Amino acid sequence: MLTPRTELIANNEQFRKLATEHTQYAQRLDSLIQKRFLTEEEKLEETRLKKLKLRLKDQMESIERQYRQDVAANQVA
């Protein structure tokens, strides 16, 4: 049985796009975190990436929550 997240990645274009963006931001953030010192510009980018990642995560969780509700409603019906 596939998890809701796996189902959504496979079947929901919007969710897949959000997940891809989230992964890209996470990778860039990881590369910044690996640096010993960050320039002021990099510090701003780090903050921006964290906010973007959080926004995407919230959107993905909203889609996943709606998916779970739809699945539950279909099982009852």
N, C-alpha and C. Protein backbone atom coordinates (compact mmCIF):
# COMPACT_ATOMS: atom_id res chain seq x y z
N MET A 1 0.84 -1.19 0.00
CA MET A 1 0.00 0.00 0.00
C MET A 1 0.89 1.25 0.00
N LEU A 2 0.59 2.16 -0.88
CA LEU A 2 1.37 3.39 -0.98
C LEU A 2 0.92 4.39 0.07
N THR A 3 1.87 5.20 0.54
CA THR A 3 1.53 6.25 1.49
C THR A 3 0.83 7.39 0.74
N PRO A 4 0.06 8.20 1.45
CA PRO A 4 -0.60 9.34 0.77
C PRO A 4 0.41 10.23 0.03
N ARG A 5 1.55 10.45 0.64
CA ARG A 5 2.57 11.30 0.02
C ARG A 5 3.06 10.68 -1.30
N THR A 6 3.30 9.38 -1.28
CA THR A 6 3.75 8.68 -2.49
C THR A 6 2.67 8.71 -3.56
N GLU A 7 1.44 8.50 -3.16
CA GLU A 7 0.30 8.57 -4.09
C GLU A 7 0.23 9.96 -4.73
N LEU A 8 0.36 10.99 -3.90
CA LEU A 8 0.26 12.35 -4.40
C LEU A 8 1.41 12.70 -5.34
N ILE A 9 2.60 12.26 -5.02
CA ILE A 9 3.76 12.51 -5.90
C ILE A 9 3.54 11.84 -7.25
N ALA A 10 2.97 10.65 -7.21
CA ALA A 10 2.74 9.90 -8.45
C ALA A 10 1.59 10.47 -9.27
N ASN A 11 0.56 11.01 -8.60
CA ASN A 11 -0.67 11.33 -9.31
C ASN A 11 -1.11 12.79 -9.29
N ASN A 12 -0.43 13.64 -8.54
CA ASN A 12 -0.86 15.03 -8.41
C ASN A 12 0.28 15.95 -8.86
N GLU A 13 0.08 16.57 -10.00
CA GLU A 13 1.13 17.42 -10.59
C GLU A 13 1.52 18.57 -9.67
N GLN A 14 0.55 19.21 -9.04
CA GLN A 14 0.85 20.34 -8.15
C GLN A 14 1.69 19.87 -6.96
N PHE A 15 1.31 18.76 -6.36
CA PHE A 15 2.04 18.24 -5.21
C PHE A 15 3.47 17.85 -5.63
N ARG A 16 3.59 17.21 -6.79
CA ARG A 16 4.91 16.80 -7.29
C ARG A 16 5.81 18.02 -7.51
N LYS A 17 5.23 19.10 -8.06
CA LYS A 17 5.99 20.33 -8.29
C LYS A 17 6.45 20.93 -6.96
N LEU A 18 5.56 20.98 -5.99
CA LEU A 18 5.91 21.51 -4.67
C LEU A 18 7.01 20.67 -4.02
N ALA A 19 6.90 19.35 -4.12
CA ALA A 19 7.90 18.46 -3.53
C ALA A 19 9.26 18.64 -4.19
N THR A 20 9.26 18.82 -5.50
CA THR A 20 10.51 19.05 -6.23
C THR A 20 11.16 20.36 -5.80
N GLU A 21 10.37 21.41 -5.72
CA GLU A 21 10.89 22.71 -5.27
C GLU A 21 11.43 22.61 -3.84
N HIS A 22 10.69 21.94 -2.99
CA HIS A 22 11.10 21.78 -1.59
C HIS A 22 12.46 21.08 -1.52
N THR A 23 12.64 20.05 -2.32
CA THR A 23 13.91 19.31 -2.36
C THR A 23 15.04 20.21 -2.86
N GLN A 24 14.77 21.00 -3.88
CA GLN A 24 15.80 21.90 -4.41
C GLN A 24 16.21 22.94 -3.37
N TYR A 25 15.24 23.50 -2.66
CA TYR A 25 15.56 24.47 -1.61
C TYR A 25 16.35 23.80 -0.48
N ALA A 26 15.97 22.59 -0.14
CA ALA A 26 16.68 21.86 0.93
C ALA A 26 18.13 21.60 0.53
N GLN A 27 18.35 21.24 -0.72
CA GLN A 27 19.71 20.98 -1.18
C GLN A 27 20.55 22.25 -1.16
N ARG A 28 19.98 23.36 -1.60
CA ARG A 28 20.72 24.63 -1.59
C ARG A 28 21.00 25.06 -0.15
N LEU A 29 20.02 24.87 0.72
CA LEU A 29 20.19 25.20 2.13
C LEU A 29 21.30 24.34 2.75
N ASP A 30 21.32 23.07 2.42
CA ASP A 30 22.38 22.18 2.91
C ASP A 30 23.76 22.65 2.46
N SER A 31 23.85 23.11 1.22
CA SER A 31 25.14 23.59 0.73
C SER A 31 25.58 24.85 1.47
N LEU A 32 24.63 25.69 1.85
CA LEU A 32 24.97 26.88 2.63
C LEU A 32 25.40 26.50 4.05
N ILE A 33 24.70 25.54 4.63
CA ILE A 33 25.00 25.14 6.00
C ILE A 33 26.39 24.51 6.10
N GLN A 34 26.86 23.91 5.02
CA GLN A 34 28.18 23.28 5.01
C GLN A 34 29.33 24.30 5.07
N LYS A 35 29.02 25.52 4.67
CA LYS A 35 30.06 26.55 4.67
C LYS A 35 30.40 26.95 6.09
N ARG A 36 31.66 27.25 6.29
CA ARG A 36 32.12 27.65 7.62
C ARG A 36 31.62 29.06 7.97
N PHE A 37 31.70 29.94 7.00
CA PHE A 37 31.23 31.32 7.18
C PHE A 37 30.33 31.69 6.02
N LEU A 38 29.30 32.46 6.33
CA LEU A 38 28.39 32.93 5.29
C LEU A 38 28.53 34.43 5.13
N THR A 39 28.46 34.87 3.88
CA THR A 39 28.43 36.31 3.62
C THR A 39 27.05 36.82 4.05
N GLU A 40 26.91 38.13 4.12
CA GLU A 40 25.61 38.70 4.46
C GLU A 40 24.55 38.27 3.45
N GLU A 41 24.94 38.24 2.19
CA GLU A 41 24.03 37.82 1.13
C GLU A 41 23.60 36.36 1.32
N GLU A 42 24.55 35.52 1.68
CA GLU A 42 24.25 34.11 1.92
C GLU A 42 23.36 33.93 3.16
N LYS A 43 23.57 34.75 4.16
CA LYS A 43 22.71 34.68 5.35
C LYS A 43 21.27 35.04 4.99
N LEU A 44 21.11 36.07 4.15
CA LEU A 44 19.78 36.45 3.69
C LEU A 44 19.16 35.33 2.86
N GLU A 45 19.96 34.72 2.00
CA GLU A 45 19.48 33.60 1.19
C GLU A 45 19.05 32.43 2.08
N GLU A 46 19.84 32.16 3.12
CA GLU A 46 19.51 31.07 4.04
C GLU A 46 18.14 31.32 4.69
N THR A 47 17.92 32.53 5.14
CA THR A 47 16.64 32.88 5.76
C THR A 47 15.51 32.76 4.76
N ARG A 48 15.74 33.26 3.56
CA ARG A 48 14.73 33.20 2.50
C ARG A 48 14.39 31.75 2.16
N LEU A 49 15.41 30.91 2.04
CA LEU A 49 15.18 29.50 1.70
C LEU A 49 14.41 28.78 2.80
N LYS A 50 14.72 29.08 4.04
CA LYS A 50 13.99 28.46 5.15
C LYS A 50 12.51 28.84 5.10
N LYS A 51 12.23 30.10 4.79
CA LYS A 51 10.83 30.55 4.71
C LYS A 51 10.12 29.90 3.51
N LEU A 52 10.82 29.82 2.39
CA LEU A 52 10.23 29.19 1.21
C LEU A 52 9.94 27.71 1.45
N LYS A 53 10.90 27.03 2.08
CA LYS A 53 10.71 25.61 2.40
C LYS A 53 9.51 25.42 3.31
N LEU A 54 9.38 26.25 4.30
CA LEU A 54 8.27 26.14 5.23
C LEU A 54 6.93 26.39 4.53
N ARG A 55 6.90 27.39 3.65
CA ARG A 55 5.68 27.68 2.90
C ARG A 55 5.28 26.49 2.03
N LEU A 56 6.27 25.90 1.35
CA LEU A 56 5.99 24.73 0.51
C LEU A 56 5.52 23.55 1.35
N LYS A 57 6.16 23.35 2.49
CA LYS A 57 5.77 22.25 3.37
C LYS A 57 4.32 22.42 3.82
N ASP A 58 3.95 23.64 4.18
CA ASP A 58 2.58 23.92 4.59
C ASP A 58 1.60 23.63 3.45
N GLN A 59 1.95 24.02 2.23
CA GLN A 59 1.09 23.77 1.09
C GLN A 59 0.95 22.26 0.84
N MET A 60 2.06 21.55 0.93
CA MET A 60 2.04 20.11 0.72
C MET A 60 1.20 19.42 1.79
N GLU A 61 1.33 19.84 3.02
CA GLU A 61 0.54 19.25 4.11
C GLU A 61 -0.94 19.53 3.92
N SER A 62 -1.28 20.70 3.41
CA SER A 62 -2.67 21.03 3.15
C SER A 62 -3.25 20.10 2.08
N ILE A 63 -2.50 19.89 1.01
CA ILE A 63 -2.94 18.99 -0.06
C ILE A 63 -3.06 17.56 0.48
N GLU A 64 -2.10 17.15 1.27
CA GLU A 64 -2.12 15.80 1.84
C GLU A 64 -3.31 15.62 2.79
N ARG A 65 -3.60 16.63 3.59
CA ARG A 65 -4.73 16.57 4.51
C ARG A 65 -6.05 16.44 3.73
N GLN A 66 -6.18 17.22 2.65
CA GLN A 66 -7.38 17.15 1.81
C GLN A 66 -7.49 15.77 1.16
N TYR A 67 -6.37 15.24 0.71
CA TYR A 67 -6.35 13.91 0.10
C TYR A 67 -6.83 12.86 1.10
N ARG A 68 -6.34 12.93 2.34
CA ARG A 68 -6.75 11.97 3.36
C ARG A 68 -8.25 12.08 3.64
N GLN A 69 -8.76 13.30 3.67
CA GLN A 69 -10.19 13.50 3.90
C GLN A 69 -11.01 12.92 2.75
N ASP A 70 -10.53 13.13 1.53
CA ASP A 70 -11.23 12.60 0.35
C ASP A 70 -11.24 11.08 0.36
N VAL A 71 -10.11 10.48 0.71
CA VAL A 71 -10.01 9.02 0.78
C VAL A 71 -10.95 8.47 1.86
N ALA A 72 -10.96 9.12 3.01
CA ALA A 72 -11.84 8.69 4.10
C ALA A 72 -13.31 8.82 3.70
N ALA A 73 -13.66 9.89 3.02
CA ALA A 73 -15.04 10.10 2.59
C ALA A 73 -15.45 9.05 1.56
N ASN A 74 -14.53 8.68 0.68
CA ASN A 74 -14.83 7.67 -0.34
C ASN A 74 -14.98 6.29 0.27
N GLN A 75 -14.27 6.02 1.36
CA GLN A 75 -14.37 4.72 2.01
C GLN A 75 -15.70 4.59 2.73
N VAL A 76 -16.22 5.67 3.26
CA VAL A 76 -17.49 5.66 3.98
C VAL A 76 -18.65 5.51 3.00
N ALA A 77 -18.51 6.15 1.85
CA ALA A 77 -19.60 6.17 0.86
C ALA A 77 -19.80 4.85 0.17
